[in-house]
């Protein structure tokens, strides 16, 4: 996070003070891990429909390409 800006999902969570504690935090961390892996390994974002922004990749990586549905099949 440079100069208070938000570059990815982790920066956003840190900025707003979101913590992954307790059972719901464990579930959120688990699914965040899956989404992060999909973004990194398959260069996709979202499951059925892509979002406007990457959750874990840097904004400098450019716009989102495709959703991950095809990669998951």
PDB file of N, CA and C in Angstrom:
ATOM      1  N   UNK A   1       0.860  -1.168   0.000  1.00  0.00           N
ATOM      2  CA  UNK A   1       0.000   0.000   0.000  1.00  0.00           C
ATOM      3  C   UNK A   1       0.908   1.232   0.000  1.00  0.00           C
ATOM      4  N   UNK A   2       0.860   1.974  -1.065  1.00  0.00           N
ATOM      5  CA  UNK A   2       1.692   3.160  -1.189  1.00  0.00           C
ATOM      6  C   UNK A   2       0.879   4.416  -0.922  1.00  0.00           C
ATOM      7  N   UNK A   3       1.382   5.278  -0.075  1.00  0.00           N
ATOM      8  CA  UNK A   3       0.748   6.574   0.200  1.00  0.00           C
ATOM      9  C   UNK A   3      -0.726   6.456   0.577  1.00  0.00           C
ATOM     10  N   UNK A   4      -1.105   5.379   1.284  1.00  0.00           N
ATOM     11  CA  UNK A   4      -2.481   5.213   1.712  1.00  0.00           C
ATOM     12  C   UNK A   4      -3.417   4.721   0.635  1.00  0.00           C
ATOM     13  N   UNK A   5      -2.889   4.420  -0.561  1.00  0.00           N
ATOM     14  CA  UNK A   5      -3.719   3.928  -1.650  1.00  0.00           C
ATOM     15  C   UNK A   5      -3.969   2.434  -1.509  1.00  0.00           C
ATOM     16  N   UNK A   6      -4.960   1.970  -2.198  1.00  0.00           N
ATOM     17  CA  UNK A   6      -5.314   0.559  -2.161  1.00  0.00           C
ATOM     18  C   UNK A   6      -4.982  -0.046  -3.508  1.00  0.00           C
ATOM     19  N   UNK A   7      -4.164  -1.108  -3.499  1.00  0.00           N
ATOM     20  CA  UNK A   7      -3.761  -1.751  -4.738  1.00  0.00           C
ATOM     21  C   UNK A   7      -4.360  -3.137  -4.913  1.00  0.00           C
ATOM     22  N   UNK A   8      -4.828  -3.751  -3.834  1.00  0.00           N
ATOM     23  CA  UNK A   8      -5.435  -5.073  -3.944  1.00  0.00           C
ATOM     24  C   UNK A   8      -6.346  -5.322  -2.745  1.00  0.00           C
ATOM     25  N   UNK A   9      -6.998  -6.490  -2.745  1.00  0.00           N
ATOM     26  CA  UNK A   9      -7.972  -6.849  -1.712  1.00  0.00           C
ATOM     27  C   UNK A   9      -7.355  -6.844  -0.320  1.00  0.00           C
ATOM     28  N   UNK A  10      -6.121  -7.334  -0.189  1.00  0.00           N
ATOM     29  CA  UNK A  10      -5.459  -7.371   1.113  1.00  0.00           C
ATOM     30  C   UNK A  10      -5.228  -5.967   1.658  1.00  0.00           C
ATOM     31  N   UNK A  11      -4.852  -5.031   0.785  1.00  0.00           N
ATOM     32  CA  UNK A  11      -4.684  -3.637   1.203  1.00  0.00           C
ATOM     33  C   UNK A  11      -6.002  -3.066   1.704  1.00  0.00           C
ATOM     34  N   UNK A  12      -7.083  -3.382   1.005  1.00  0.00           N
ATOM     35  CA  UNK A  12      -8.403  -2.877   1.382  1.00  0.00           C
ATOM     36  C   UNK A  12      -8.801  -3.412   2.759  1.00  0.00           C
ATOM     37  N   UNK A  13      -8.636  -4.712   2.962  1.00  0.00           N
ATOM     38  CA  UNK A  13      -8.984  -5.315   4.248  1.00  0.00           C
ATOM     39  C   UNK A  13      -8.168  -4.696   5.378  1.00  0.00           C
ATOM     40  N   UNK A  14      -6.892  -4.459   5.107  1.00  0.00           N
ATOM     41  CA  UNK A  14      -6.020  -3.844   6.115  1.00  0.00           C
ATOM     42  C   UNK A  14      -6.468  -2.415   6.423  1.00  0.00           C
ATOM     43  N   UNK A  15      -6.821  -1.672   5.393  1.00  0.00           N
ATOM     44  CA  UNK A  15      -7.218  -0.275   5.555  1.00  0.00           C
ATOM     45  C   UNK A  15      -8.500  -0.126   6.364  1.00  0.00           C
ATOM     46  N   UNK A  16      -9.477  -1.003   6.125  1.00  0.00           N
ATOM     47  CA  UNK A  16     -10.736  -0.889   6.857  1.00  0.00           C
ATOM     48  C   UNK A  16     -10.739  -1.693   8.152  1.00  0.00           C
ATOM     49  N   UNK A  17      -9.622  -2.374   8.421  1.00  0.00           N
ATOM     50  CA  UNK A  17      -9.495  -3.080   9.693  1.00  0.00           C
ATOM     51  C   UNK A  17     -10.228  -4.403   9.761  1.00  0.00           C
ATOM     52  N   UNK A  18     -10.447  -5.055   8.622  1.00  0.00           N
ATOM     53  CA  UNK A  18     -11.106  -6.354   8.607  1.00  0.00           C
ATOM     54  C   UNK A  18     -10.136  -7.404   9.132  1.00  0.00           C
ATOM     55  N   UNK A  19     -10.611  -8.207  10.050  1.00  0.00           N
ATOM     56  CA  UNK A  19      -9.784  -9.294  10.557  1.00  0.00           C
ATOM     57  C   UNK A  19     -10.474 -10.614  10.272  1.00  0.00           C
ATOM     58  N   UNK A  20      -9.693 -11.624  10.030  1.00  0.00           N
ATOM     59  CA  UNK A  20     -10.221 -12.957   9.812  1.00  0.00           C
ATOM     60  C   UNK A  20     -10.004 -13.776  11.078  1.00  0.00           C
ATOM     61  N   UNK A  21     -10.879 -13.546  12.059  1.00  0.00           N
ATOM     62  CA  UNK A  21     -10.761 -14.276  13.315  1.00  0.00           C
ATOM     63  C   UNK A  21     -12.005 -15.114  13.544  1.00  0.00           C
ATOM     64  N   UNK A  22     -11.877 -16.171  14.316  1.00  0.00           N
ATOM     65  CA  UNK A  22     -13.007 -17.039  14.622  1.00  0.00           C
ATOM     66  C   UNK A  22     -13.381 -17.913  13.436  1.00  0.00           C
ATOM     67  N   UNK A  23     -14.520 -18.604  13.568  1.00  0.00           N
ATOM     68  CA  UNK A  23     -14.968 -19.536  12.539  1.00  0.00           C
ATOM     69  C   UNK A  23     -15.273 -18.837  11.222  1.00  0.00           C
ATOM     70  N   UNK A  24     -15.961 -17.700  11.272  1.00  0.00           N
ATOM     71  CA  UNK A  24     -16.287 -17.005  10.025  1.00  0.00           C
ATOM     72  C   UNK A  24     -15.023 -16.473   9.359  1.00  0.00           C
ATOM     73  N   UNK A  25     -14.052 -16.078  10.152  1.00  0.00           N
ATOM     74  CA  UNK A  25     -12.772 -15.621   9.599  1.00  0.00           C
ATOM     75  C   UNK A  25     -12.018 -16.748   8.921  1.00  0.00           C
ATOM     76  N   UNK A  26     -12.086 -17.940   9.499  1.00  0.00           N
ATOM     77  CA  UNK A  26     -11.423 -19.101   8.904  1.00  0.00           C
ATOM     78  C   UNK A  26     -12.052 -19.436   7.557  1.00  0.00           C
ATOM     79  N   UNK A  27     -13.359 -19.349   7.481  1.00  0.00           N
ATOM     80  CA  UNK A  27     -14.054 -19.617   6.215  1.00  0.00           C
ATOM     81  C   UNK A  27     -13.687 -18.557   5.184  1.00  0.00           C
ATOM     82  N   UNK A  28     -13.682 -17.297   5.601  1.00  0.00           N
ATOM     83  CA  UNK A  28     -13.320 -16.216   4.681  1.00  0.00           C
ATOM     84  C   UNK A  28     -11.891 -16.393   4.182  1.00  0.00           C
ATOM     85  N   UNK A  29     -10.974 -16.755   5.065  1.00  0.00           N
ATOM     86  CA  UNK A  29      -9.585 -16.965   4.671  1.00  0.00           C
ATOM     87  C   UNK A  29      -9.459 -18.113   3.678  1.00  0.00           C
ATOM     88  N   UNK A  30     -10.219 -19.180   3.907  1.00  0.00           N
ATOM     89  CA  UNK A  30     -10.194 -20.336   3.011  1.00  0.00           C
ATOM     90  C   UNK A  30     -10.635 -19.942   1.601  1.00  0.00           C
ATOM     91  N   UNK A  31     -11.770 -19.257   1.487  1.00  0.00           N
ATOM     92  CA  UNK A  31     -12.271 -18.876   0.169  1.00  0.00           C
ATOM     93  C   UNK A  31     -11.427 -17.781  -0.468  1.00  0.00           C
ATOM     94  N   UNK A  32     -10.867 -16.882   0.333  1.00  0.00           N
ATOM     95  CA  UNK A  32      -9.931 -15.896  -0.211  1.00  0.00           C
ATOM     96  C   UNK A  32      -8.733 -16.604  -0.829  1.00  0.00           C
ATOM     97  N   UNK A  33      -8.266 -17.671  -0.185  1.00  0.00           N
ATOM     98  CA  UNK A  33      -7.139 -18.445  -0.718  1.00  0.00           C
ATOM     99  C   UNK A  33      -7.463 -19.072  -2.054  1.00  0.00           C
ATOM    100  N   UNK A  34      -8.675 -19.585  -2.199  1.00  0.00           N
ATOM    101  CA  UNK A  34      -9.095 -20.178  -3.475  1.00  0.00           C
ATOM    102  C   UNK A  34      -9.131 -19.103  -4.560  1.00  0.00           C
ATOM    103  N   UNK A  35      -9.742 -17.968  -4.262  1.00  0.00           N
ATOM    104  CA  UNK A  35      -9.837 -16.895  -5.249  1.00  0.00           C
ATOM    105  C   UNK A  35      -8.455 -16.368  -5.641  1.00  0.00           C
ATOM    106  N   UNK A  36      -7.563 -16.270  -4.653  1.00  0.00           N
ATOM    107  CA  UNK A  36      -6.202 -15.801  -4.934  1.00  0.00           C
ATOM    108  C   UNK A  36      -5.478 -16.774  -5.864  1.00  0.00           C
ATOM    109  N   UNK A  37      -5.626 -18.067  -5.608  1.00  0.00           N
ATOM    110  CA  UNK A  37      -5.000 -19.080  -6.455  1.00  0.00           C
ATOM    111  C   UNK A  37      -5.536 -19.018  -7.876  1.00  0.00           C
ATOM    112  N   UNK A  38      -6.842 -18.859  -8.017  1.00  0.00           N
ATOM    113  CA  UNK A  38      -7.428 -18.751  -9.349  1.00  0.00           C
ATOM    114  C   UNK A  38      -6.876 -17.549 -10.104  1.00  0.00           C
ATOM    115  N   UNK A  39      -6.797 -16.408  -9.434  1.00  0.00           N
ATOM    116  CA  UNK A  39      -6.264 -15.210 -10.081  1.00  0.00           C
ATOM    117  C   UNK A  39      -4.829 -15.423 -10.527  1.00  0.00           C
ATOM    118  N   UNK A  40      -4.013 -16.005  -9.651  1.00  0.00           N
ATOM    119  CA  UNK A  40      -2.595 -16.151  -9.946  1.00  0.00           C
ATOM    120  C   UNK A  40      -2.319 -17.246 -10.974  1.00  0.00           C
ATOM    121  N   UNK A  41      -2.991 -18.375 -10.858  1.00  0.00           N
ATOM    122  CA  UNK A  41      -2.693 -19.519 -11.716  1.00  0.00           C
ATOM    123  C   UNK A  41      -3.410 -19.479 -13.066  1.00  0.00           C
ATOM    124  N   UNK A  42      -4.619 -18.942 -13.103  1.00  0.00           N
ATOM    125  CA  UNK A  42      -5.411 -18.966 -14.328  1.00  0.00           C
ATOM    126  C   UNK A  42      -5.667 -17.586 -14.918  1.00  0.00           C
ATOM    127  N   UNK A  43      -5.161 -16.545 -14.263  1.00  0.00           N
ATOM    128  CA  UNK A  43      -5.316 -15.173 -14.744  1.00  0.00           C
ATOM    129  C   UNK A  43      -6.782 -14.838 -15.014  1.00  0.00           C
ATOM    130  N   UNK A  44      -7.637 -15.186 -14.049  1.00  0.00           N
ATOM    131  CA  UNK A  44      -9.069 -14.926 -14.165  1.00  0.00           C
ATOM    132  C   UNK A  44      -9.556 -14.337 -12.839  1.00  0.00           C
ATOM    133  N   UNK A  45     -10.779 -13.822 -12.824  1.00  0.00           N
ATOM    134  CA  UNK A  45     -11.309 -13.218 -11.605  1.00  0.00           C
ATOM    135  C   UNK A  45     -12.810 -13.471 -11.546  1.00  0.00           C
ATOM    136  N   UNK A  46     -13.296 -13.849 -10.383  1.00  0.00           N
ATOM    137  CA  UNK A  46     -14.711 -14.148 -10.213  1.00  0.00           C
ATOM    138  C   UNK A  46     -15.001 -15.568 -10.682  1.00  0.00           C
ATOM    139  N   UNK A  47     -16.105 -16.123 -10.255  1.00  0.00           N
ATOM    140  CA  UNK A  47     -16.436 -17.490 -10.660  1.00  0.00           C
ATOM    141  C   UNK A  47     -17.325 -17.466 -11.905  1.00  0.00           C
ATOM    142  N   UNK A  48     -18.563 -17.091 -11.770  1.00  0.00           N
ATOM    143  CA  UNK A  48     -19.487 -17.077 -12.916  1.00  0.00           C
ATOM    144  C   UNK A  48     -19.353 -15.805 -13.748  1.00  0.00           C
ATOM    145  N   UNK A  49     -19.110 -14.699 -13.095  1.00  0.00           N
ATOM    146  CA  UNK A  49     -18.966 -13.416 -13.784  1.00  0.00           C
ATOM    147  C   UNK A  49     -17.740 -12.698 -13.226  1.00  0.00           C
ATOM    148  N   UNK A  50     -16.986 -12.092 -14.109  1.00  0.00           N
ATOM    149  CA  UNK A  50     -15.795 -11.371 -13.661  1.00  0.00           C
ATOM    150  C   UNK A  50     -16.191 -10.065 -12.990  1.00  0.00           C
ATOM    151  N   UNK A  51     -15.350  -9.625 -12.082  1.00  0.00           N
ATOM    152  CA  UNK A  51     -15.553  -8.332 -11.449  1.00  0.00           C
ATOM    153  C   UNK A  51     -14.851  -7.246 -12.251  1.00  0.00           C
ATOM    154  N   UNK A  52     -15.010  -6.031 -11.826  1.00  0.00           N
ATOM    155  CA  UNK A  52     -14.343  -4.911 -12.500  1.00  0.00           C
ATOM    156  C   UNK A  52     -12.883  -4.772 -12.087  1.00  0.00           C
ATOM    157  N   UNK A  53     -12.535  -5.374 -10.938  1.00  0.00           N
ATOM    158  CA  UNK A  53     -11.194  -5.209 -10.403  1.00  0.00           C
ATOM    159  C   UNK A  53     -10.660  -6.542  -9.910  1.00  0.00           C
ATOM    160  N   UNK A  54      -9.339  -6.686  -9.925  1.00  0.00           N
ATOM    161  CA  UNK A  54      -8.686  -7.847  -9.327  1.00  0.00           C
ATOM    162  C   UNK A  54      -8.835  -7.757  -7.818  1.00  0.00           C
ATOM    163  N   UNK A  55      -8.959  -8.890  -7.157  1.00  0.00           N
ATOM    164  CA  UNK A  55      -8.989  -8.901  -5.695  1.00  0.00           C
ATOM    165  C   UNK A  55      -7.585  -8.983  -5.122  1.00  0.00           C
ATOM    166  N   UNK A  56      -6.719  -9.762  -5.739  1.00  0.00           N
ATOM    167  CA  UNK A  56      -5.401 -10.008  -5.163  1.00  0.00           C
ATOM    168  C   UNK A  56      -4.253  -9.551  -6.043  1.00  0.00           C
ATOM    169  N   UNK A  57      -4.462  -9.438  -7.327  1.00  0.00           N
ATOM    170  CA  UNK A  57      -3.399  -8.959  -8.203  1.00  0.00           C
ATOM    171  C   UNK A  57      -3.315  -7.442  -8.099  1.00  0.00           C
ATOM    172  N   UNK A  58      -2.183  -6.914  -8.439  1.00  0.00           N
ATOM    173  CA  UNK A  58      -1.942  -5.477  -8.385  1.00  0.00           C
ATOM    174  C   UNK A  58      -2.748  -4.778  -9.483  1.00  0.00           C
ATOM    175  N   UNK A  59      -3.230  -3.592  -9.203  1.00  0.00           N
ATOM    176  CA  UNK A  59      -3.997  -2.851 -10.205  1.00  0.00           C
ATOM    177  C   UNK A  59      -3.159  -2.550 -11.438  1.00  0.00           C
ATOM    178  N   UNK A  60      -1.850  -2.522 -11.286  1.00  0.00           N
ATOM    179  CA  UNK A  60      -0.973  -2.262 -12.419  1.00  0.00           C
ATOM    180  C   UNK A  60      -0.938  -3.431 -13.400  1.00  0.00           C
ATOM    181  N   UNK A  61      -1.522  -4.586 -13.012  1.00  0.00           N
ATOM    182  CA  UNK A  61      -1.583  -5.742 -13.905  1.00  0.00           C
ATOM    183  C   UNK A  61      -2.619  -5.549 -15.004  1.00  0.00           C
ATOM    184  N   UNK A  62      -3.361  -4.467 -14.950  1.00  0.00           N
ATOM    185  CA  UNK A  62      -4.325  -4.156 -15.996  1.00  0.00           C
ATOM    186  C   UNK A  62      -5.721  -4.653 -15.674  1.00  0.00           C
ATOM    187  N   UNK A  63      -6.619  -4.502 -16.634  1.00  0.00           N
ATOM    188  CA  UNK A  63      -8.016  -4.883 -16.395  1.00  0.00           C
ATOM    189  C   UNK A  63      -8.200  -6.396 -16.313  1.00  0.00           C
ATOM    190  N   UNK A  64      -9.284  -6.783 -15.689  1.00  0.00           N
ATOM    191  CA  UNK A  64      -9.647  -8.197 -15.567  1.00  0.00           C
ATOM    192  C   UNK A  64      -9.974  -8.733 -16.950  1.00  0.00           C
ATOM    193  N   UNK A  65      -9.499  -9.949 -17.233  1.00  0.00           N
ATOM    194  CA  UNK A  65      -9.786 -10.581 -18.524  1.00  0.00           C
ATOM    195  C   UNK A  65     -11.079 -11.346 -18.476  1.00  0.00           C
ATOM    196  N   UNK A  66     -11.039 -12.583 -18.027  1.00  0.00           N
ATOM    197  CA  UNK A  66     -12.199 -13.465 -18.035  1.00  0.00           C
ATOM    198  C   UNK A  66     -12.563 -13.924 -16.624  1.00  0.00           C
ATOM    199  N   UNK A  67     -13.792 -14.436 -16.496  1.00  0.00           N
ATOM    200  CA  UNK A  67     -14.187 -15.078 -15.238  1.00  0.00           C
ATOM    201  C   UNK A  67     -13.508 -16.447 -15.186  1.00  0.00           C
ATOM    202  N   UNK A  68     -13.553 -17.100 -14.040  1.00  0.00           N
ATOM    203  CA  UNK A  68     -12.848 -18.360 -13.835  1.00  0.00           C
ATOM    204  C   UNK A  68     -13.677 -19.590 -14.164  1.00  0.00           C
ATOM    205  N   UNK A  69     -14.905 -19.422 -14.617  1.00  0.00           N
ATOM    206  CA  UNK A  69     -15.779 -20.575 -14.839  1.00  0.00           C
ATOM    207  C   UNK A  69     -15.172 -21.572 -15.830  1.00  0.00           C
ATOM    208  N   UNK A  70     -14.652 -21.089 -16.949  1.00  0.00           N
ATOM    209  CA  UNK A  70     -14.067 -21.982 -17.943  1.00  0.00           C
ATOM    210  C   UNK A  70     -12.839 -22.684 -17.368  1.00  0.00           C
ATOM    211  N   UNK A  71     -12.001 -21.966 -16.647  1.00  0.00           N
ATOM    212  CA  UNK A  71     -10.810 -22.565 -16.037  1.00  0.00           C
ATOM    213  C   UNK A  71     -11.169 -23.636 -15.034  1.00  0.00           C
ATOM    214  N   UNK A  72     -12.258 -23.446 -14.304  1.00  0.00           N
ATOM    215  CA  UNK A  72     -12.688 -24.423 -13.312  1.00  0.00           C
ATOM    216  C   UNK A  72     -13.231 -25.692 -13.959  1.00  0.00           C
ATOM    217  N   UNK A  73     -13.816 -25.565 -15.140  1.00  0.00           N
ATOM    218  CA  UNK A  73     -14.336 -26.749 -15.843  1.00  0.00           C
ATOM    219  C   UNK A  73     -13.194 -27.612 -16.261  1.00  0.00           C
TER     220      UNK A  73
END
